[in-house]
């Protein structure tokens, strides 16, 4: 498996059926590498983003901040 996904590959890796869901994650801070018209998303960045946004059941998110 490659480290850098195309937008389509990233969408599939994350289990999304539409680009809109991936776009929302990007708006929330998922990093995108842009070179010219090419966009790539790192597998490591996706995994880190998901881990950073994991909420444990019963965890009070307001108290954690």
PDB file of N, CA and C in Angstrom:
ATOM      1  N   UNK A   1       0.857  -1.183   0.000  1.00  0.00           N
ATOM      2  CA  UNK A   1       0.000   0.000   0.000  1.00  0.00           C
ATOM      3  C   UNK A   1       0.901   1.244   0.000  1.00  0.00           C
ATOM      4  N   UNK A   2       0.521   2.213  -0.744  1.00  0.00           N
ATOM      5  CA  UNK A   2       1.289   3.448  -0.865  1.00  0.00           C
ATOM      6  C   UNK A   2       1.056   4.376   0.335  1.00  0.00           C
ATOM      7  N   UNK A   3       2.005   5.246   0.614  1.00  0.00           N
ATOM      8  CA  UNK A   3       1.869   6.210   1.718  1.00  0.00           C
ATOM      9  C   UNK A   3       0.972   7.376   1.327  1.00  0.00           C
ATOM     10  N   UNK A   4       0.993   7.739   0.044  1.00  0.00           N
ATOM     11  CA  UNK A   4       0.236   8.910  -0.394  1.00  0.00           C
ATOM     12  C   UNK A   4      -0.902   8.489  -1.316  1.00  0.00           C
ATOM     13  N   UNK A   5      -2.107   8.862  -0.915  1.00  0.00           N
ATOM     14  CA  UNK A   5      -3.312   8.511  -1.671  1.00  0.00           C
ATOM     15  C   UNK A   5      -3.761   9.665  -2.547  1.00  0.00           C
ATOM     16  N   UNK A   6      -4.368   9.329  -3.663  1.00  0.00           N
ATOM     17  CA  UNK A   6      -5.133  10.325  -4.412  1.00  0.00           C
ATOM     18  C   UNK A   6      -6.387  10.600  -3.586  1.00  0.00           C
ATOM     19  N   UNK A   7      -7.123  11.621  -3.942  1.00  0.00           N
ATOM     20  CA  UNK A   7      -8.355  11.942  -3.219  1.00  0.00           C
ATOM     21  C   UNK A   7      -9.314  10.744  -3.274  1.00  0.00           C
ATOM     22  N   UNK A   8      -9.418  10.120  -4.428  1.00  0.00           N
ATOM     23  CA  UNK A   8     -10.302   8.954  -4.589  1.00  0.00           C
ATOM     24  C   UNK A   8      -9.852   7.792  -3.709  1.00  0.00           C
ATOM     25  N   UNK A   9      -8.554   7.524  -3.684  1.00  0.00           N
ATOM     26  CA  UNK A   9      -8.030   6.449  -2.843  1.00  0.00           C
ATOM     27  C   UNK A   9      -8.247   6.750  -1.362  1.00  0.00           C
ATOM     28  N   UNK A  10      -8.044   8.003  -0.964  1.00  0.00           N
ATOM     29  CA  UNK A  10      -8.253   8.400   0.436  1.00  0.00           C
ATOM     30  C   UNK A  10      -9.717   8.223   0.821  1.00  0.00           C
ATOM     31  N   UNK A  11     -10.593   8.615  -0.061  1.00  0.00           N
ATOM     32  CA  UNK A  11     -12.033   8.464   0.177  1.00  0.00           C
ATOM     33  C   UNK A  11     -12.373   6.993   0.398  1.00  0.00           C
ATOM     34  N   UNK A  12     -11.836   6.129  -0.437  1.00  0.00           N
ATOM     35  CA  UNK A  12     -12.100   4.696  -0.304  1.00  0.00           C
ATOM     36  C   UNK A  12     -11.466   4.122   0.964  1.00  0.00           C
ATOM     37  N   UNK A  13     -10.246   4.541   1.292  1.00  0.00           N
ATOM     38  CA  UNK A  13      -9.556   4.076   2.496  1.00  0.00           C
ATOM     39  C   UNK A  13     -10.367   4.408   3.738  1.00  0.00           C
ATOM     40  N   UNK A  14     -10.979   5.591   3.742  1.00  0.00           N
ATOM     41  CA  UNK A  14     -11.757   6.024   4.895  1.00  0.00           C
ATOM     42  C   UNK A  14     -13.177   5.464   4.888  1.00  0.00           C
ATOM     43  N   UNK A  15     -13.550   4.791   3.806  1.00  0.00           N
ATOM     44  CA  UNK A  15     -14.867   4.154   3.744  1.00  0.00           C
ATOM     45  C   UNK A  15     -15.987   5.084   3.338  1.00  0.00           C
ATOM     46  N   UNK A  16     -15.657   6.203   2.710  1.00  0.00           N
ATOM     47  CA  UNK A  16     -16.685   7.161   2.294  1.00  0.00           C
ATOM     48  C   UNK A  16     -17.169   6.820   0.894  1.00  0.00           C
ATOM     49  N   UNK A  17     -18.451   7.033   0.661  1.00  0.00           N
ATOM     50  CA  UNK A  17     -19.012   6.817  -0.662  1.00  0.00           C
ATOM     51  C   UNK A  17     -19.011   8.098  -1.486  1.00  0.00           C
ATOM     52  N   UNK A  18     -18.998   9.239  -0.821  1.00  0.00           N
ATOM     53  CA  UNK A  18     -19.031  10.508  -1.554  1.00  0.00           C
ATOM     54  C   UNK A  18     -17.840  11.378  -1.153  1.00  0.00           C
ATOM     55  N   UNK A  19     -17.468  12.264  -2.051  1.00  0.00           N
ATOM     56  CA  UNK A  19     -16.378  13.194  -1.785  1.00  0.00           C
ATOM     57  C   UNK A  19     -16.767  14.187  -0.690  1.00  0.00           C
ATOM     58  N   UNK A  20     -18.054  14.479  -0.540  1.00  0.00           N
ATOM     59  CA  UNK A  20     -18.503  15.469   0.451  1.00  0.00           C
ATOM     60  C   UNK A  20     -18.049  15.120   1.867  1.00  0.00           C
ATOM     61  N   UNK A  21     -18.072  13.846   2.214  1.00  0.00           N
ATOM     62  CA  UNK A  21     -17.638  13.437   3.552  1.00  0.00           C
ATOM     63  C   UNK A  21     -16.145  13.711   3.734  1.00  0.00           C
ATOM     64  N   UNK A  22     -15.339  13.360   2.736  1.00  0.00           N
ATOM     65  CA  UNK A  22     -13.905  13.620   2.803  1.00  0.00           C
ATOM     66  C   UNK A  22     -13.639  15.119   2.846  1.00  0.00           C
ATOM     67  N   UNK A  23     -14.387  15.879   2.077  1.00  0.00           N
ATOM     68  CA  UNK A  23     -14.236  17.338   2.057  1.00  0.00           C
ATOM     69  C   UNK A  23     -14.471  17.917   3.454  1.00  0.00           C
ATOM     70  N   UNK A  24     -15.434  17.400   4.169  1.00  0.00           N
ATOM     71  CA  UNK A  24     -15.721  17.875   5.532  1.00  0.00           C
ATOM     72  C   UNK A  24     -14.535  17.609   6.465  1.00  0.00           C
ATOM     73  N   UNK A  25     -13.928  16.432   6.347  1.00  0.00           N
ATOM     74  CA  UNK A  25     -12.760  16.116   7.166  1.00  0.00           C
ATOM     75  C   UNK A  25     -11.603  17.057   6.833  1.00  0.00           C
ATOM     76  N   UNK A  26     -11.437  17.368   5.557  1.00  0.00           N
ATOM     77  CA  UNK A  26     -10.397  18.307   5.141  1.00  0.00           C
ATOM     78  C   UNK A  26     -10.672  19.678   5.753  1.00  0.00           C
ATOM     79  N   UNK A  27     -11.930  20.098   5.758  1.00  0.00           N
ATOM     80  CA  UNK A  27     -12.298  21.384   6.369  1.00  0.00           C
ATOM     81  C   UNK A  27     -12.016  21.378   7.874  1.00  0.00           C
ATOM     82  N   UNK A  28     -12.087  20.213   8.498  1.00  0.00           N
ATOM     83  CA  UNK A  28     -11.825  20.088   9.935  1.00  0.00           C
ATOM     84  C   UNK A  28     -10.339  19.940  10.253  1.00  0.00           C
ATOM     85  N   UNK A  29      -9.495  19.912   9.206  1.00  0.00           N
ATOM     86  CA  UNK A  29      -8.062  19.918   9.454  1.00  0.00           C
ATOM     87  C   UNK A  29      -7.271  18.753   8.907  1.00  0.00           C
ATOM     88  N   UNK A  30      -7.898  17.820   8.204  1.00  0.00           N
ATOM     89  CA  UNK A  30      -7.136  16.732   7.587  1.00  0.00           C
ATOM     90  C   UNK A  30      -6.192  17.335   6.554  1.00  0.00           C
ATOM     91  N   UNK A  31      -4.868  17.145   6.714  1.00  0.00           N
ATOM     92  CA  UNK A  31      -3.917  17.781   5.811  1.00  0.00           C
ATOM     93  C   UNK A  31      -3.950  17.204   4.395  1.00  0.00           C
ATOM     94  N   UNK A  32      -3.826  18.078   3.416  1.00  0.00           N
ATOM     95  CA  UNK A  32      -3.774  17.709   2.005  1.00  0.00           C
ATOM     96  C   UNK A  32      -2.495  18.291   1.409  1.00  0.00           C
ATOM     97  N   UNK A  33      -1.782  17.479   0.657  1.00  0.00           N
ATOM     98  CA  UNK A  33      -0.576  17.939  -0.033  1.00  0.00           C
ATOM     99  C   UNK A  33      -0.993  18.327  -1.445  1.00  0.00           C
ATOM    100  N   UNK A  34      -0.716  19.575  -1.825  1.00  0.00           N
ATOM    101  CA  UNK A  34      -1.085  20.054  -3.145  1.00  0.00           C
ATOM    102  C   UNK A  34       0.171  20.482  -3.891  1.00  0.00           C
ATOM    103  N   UNK A  35       0.377  19.899  -5.057  1.00  0.00           N
ATOM    104  CA  UNK A  35       1.474  20.281  -5.943  1.00  0.00           C
ATOM    105  C   UNK A  35       0.842  20.498  -7.311  1.00  0.00           C
ATOM    106  N   UNK A  36       0.793  21.756  -7.724  1.00  0.00           N
ATOM    107  CA  UNK A  36       0.092  22.070  -8.965  1.00  0.00           C
ATOM    108  C   UNK A  36      -1.381  21.715  -8.817  1.00  0.00           C
ATOM    109  N   UNK A  37      -1.870  20.906  -9.729  1.00  0.00           N
ATOM    110  CA  UNK A  37      -3.276  20.478  -9.662  1.00  0.00           C
ATOM    111  C   UNK A  37      -3.438  19.125  -8.973  1.00  0.00           C
ATOM    112  N   UNK A  38      -2.323  18.525  -8.566  1.00  0.00           N
ATOM    113  CA  UNK A  38      -2.343  17.218  -7.925  1.00  0.00           C
ATOM    114  C   UNK A  38      -2.564  17.370  -6.425  1.00  0.00           C
ATOM    115  N   UNK A  39      -3.442  16.557  -5.880  1.00  0.00           N
ATOM    116  CA  UNK A  39      -3.701  16.549  -4.438  1.00  0.00           C
ATOM    117  C   UNK A  39      -3.459  15.147  -3.914  1.00  0.00           C
ATOM    118  N   UNK A  40      -2.726  15.059  -2.829  1.00  0.00           N
ATOM    119  CA  UNK A  40      -2.442  13.778  -2.185  1.00  0.00           C
ATOM    120  C   UNK A  40      -2.711  13.903  -0.692  1.00  0.00           C
ATOM    121  N   UNK A  41      -3.116  12.787  -0.109  1.00  0.00           N
ATOM    122  CA  UNK A  41      -3.377  12.734   1.326  1.00  0.00           C
ATOM    123  C   UNK A  41      -2.586  11.557   1.888  1.00  0.00           C
ATOM    124  N   UNK A  42      -1.791  11.828   2.898  1.00  0.00           N
ATOM    125  CA  UNK A  42      -0.939  10.812   3.504  1.00  0.00           C
ATOM    126  C   UNK A  42      -1.769   9.832   4.336  1.00  0.00           C
ATOM    127  N   UNK A  43      -1.475   8.539   4.180  1.00  0.00           N
ATOM    128  CA  UNK A  43      -2.133   7.516   4.999  1.00  0.00           C
ATOM    129  C   UNK A  43      -1.839   7.769   6.467  1.00  0.00           C
ATOM    130  N   UNK A  44      -0.594   8.124   6.777  1.00  0.00           N
ATOM    131  CA  UNK A  44      -0.207   8.412   8.155  1.00  0.00           C
ATOM    132  C   UNK A  44      -1.005   9.594   8.699  1.00  0.00           C
ATOM    133  N   UNK A  45      -1.212  10.632   7.868  1.00  0.00           N
ATOM    134  CA  UNK A  45      -1.978  11.806   8.304  1.00  0.00           C
ATOM    135  C   UNK A  45      -3.432  11.430   8.574  1.00  0.00           C
ATOM    136  N   UNK A  46      -4.003  10.560   7.738  1.00  0.00           N
ATOM    137  CA  UNK A  46      -5.386  10.108   7.957  1.00  0.00           C
ATOM    138  C   UNK A  46      -5.475   9.370   9.285  1.00  0.00           C
ATOM    139  N   UNK A  47      -4.558   8.416   9.498  1.00  0.00           N
ATOM    140  CA  UNK A  47      -4.576   7.625  10.732  1.00  0.00           C
ATOM    141  C   UNK A  47      -4.405   8.506  11.971  1.00  0.00           C
ATOM    142  N   UNK A  48      -3.502   9.486  11.894  1.00  0.00           N
ATOM    143  CA  UNK A  48      -3.276  10.393  13.019  1.00  0.00           C
ATOM    144  C   UNK A  48      -4.506  11.275  13.251  1.00  0.00           C
ATOM    145  N   UNK A  49      -5.084  11.797  12.179  1.00  0.00           N
ATOM    146  CA  UNK A  49      -6.275  12.642  12.289  1.00  0.00           C
ATOM    147  C   UNK A  49      -7.410  11.871  12.970  1.00  0.00           C
ATOM    148  N   UNK A  50      -7.614  10.631  12.552  1.00  0.00           N
ATOM    149  CA  UNK A  50      -8.681   9.821  13.146  1.00  0.00           C
ATOM    150  C   UNK A  50      -8.391   9.524  14.609  1.00  0.00           C
ATOM    151  N   UNK A  51      -7.138   9.211  14.943  1.00  0.00           N
ATOM    152  CA  UNK A  51      -6.771   8.938  16.338  1.00  0.00           C
ATOM    153  C   UNK A  51      -6.958  10.182  17.199  1.00  0.00           C
ATOM    154  N   UNK A  52      -6.576  11.337  16.660  1.00  0.00           N
ATOM    155  CA  UNK A  52      -6.711  12.591  17.406  1.00  0.00           C
ATOM    156  C   UNK A  52      -8.167  12.977  17.644  1.00  0.00           C
ATOM    157  N   UNK A  53      -9.072  12.473  16.820  1.00  0.00           N
ATOM    158  CA  UNK A  53     -10.483  12.830  16.934  1.00  0.00           C
ATOM    159  C   UNK A  53     -11.341  11.698  17.499  1.00  0.00           C
ATOM    160  N   UNK A  54     -10.677  10.684  18.036  1.00  0.00           N
ATOM    161  CA  UNK A  54     -11.397   9.570  18.647  1.00  0.00           C
ATOM    162  C   UNK A  54     -11.935  10.005  20.006  1.00  0.00           C
ATOM    163  N   UNK A  55     -13.186   9.716  20.245  1.00  0.00           N
ATOM    164  CA  UNK A  55     -13.823  10.041  21.519  1.00  0.00           C
ATOM    165  C   UNK A  55     -14.190   8.722  22.195  1.00  0.00           C
ATOM    166  N   UNK A  56     -13.787   8.583  23.427  1.00  0.00           N
ATOM    167  CA  UNK A  56     -14.085   7.382  24.193  1.00  0.00           C
ATOM    168  C   UNK A  56     -15.473   7.529  24.801  1.00  0.00           C
ATOM    169  N   UNK A  57     -16.290   6.488  24.685  1.00  0.00           N
ATOM    170  CA  UNK A  57     -17.655   6.516  25.214  1.00  0.00           C
ATOM    171  C   UNK A  57     -17.640   6.933  26.676  1.00  0.00           C
ATOM    172  N   UNK A  58     -18.471   7.905  27.008  1.00  0.00           N
ATOM    173  CA  UNK A  58     -18.582   8.370  28.376  1.00  0.00           C
ATOM    174  C   UNK A  58     -17.582   9.458  28.738  1.00  0.00           C
ATOM    175  N   UNK A  59     -16.664   9.738  27.842  1.00  0.00           N
ATOM    176  CA  UNK A  59     -15.662  10.776  28.107  1.00  0.00           C
ATOM    177  C   UNK A  59     -16.312  12.161  27.991  1.00  0.00           C
ATOM    178  N   UNK A  60     -16.090  13.000  28.971  1.00  0.00           N
ATOM    179  CA  UNK A  60     -16.606  14.376  28.948  1.00  0.00           C
ATOM    180  C   UNK A  60     -15.613  15.222  28.186  1.00  0.00           C
ATOM    181  N   UNK A  61     -15.932  15.584  26.931  1.00  0.00           N
ATOM    182  CA  UNK A  61     -14.996  16.311  26.097  1.00  0.00           C
ATOM    183  C   UNK A  61     -14.760  17.735  26.613  1.00  0.00           C
ATOM    184  N   UNK A  62     -15.710  18.334  27.304  1.00  0.00           N
ATOM    185  CA  UNK A  62     -15.529  19.683  27.836  1.00  0.00           C
ATOM    186  C   UNK A  62     -14.528  19.673  28.988  1.00  0.00           C
ATOM    187  N   UNK A  63     -14.564  18.629  29.808  1.00  0.00           N
ATOM    188  CA  UNK A  63     -13.663  18.548  30.951  1.00  0.00           C
ATOM    189  C   UNK A  63     -12.231  18.250  30.483  1.00  0.00           C
ATOM    190  N   UNK A  64     -12.100  17.595  29.346  1.00  0.00           N
ATOM    191  CA  UNK A  64     -10.779  17.228  28.847  1.00  0.00           C
ATOM    192  C   UNK A  64     -10.017  18.435  28.297  1.00  0.00           C
ATOM    193  N   UNK A  65     -10.679  19.504  27.989  1.00  0.00           N
ATOM    194  CA  UNK A  65     -10.023  20.667  27.400  1.00  0.00           C
ATOM    195  C   UNK A  65      -9.492  21.591  28.407  1.00  0.00           C
TER     196      UNK A  65
END
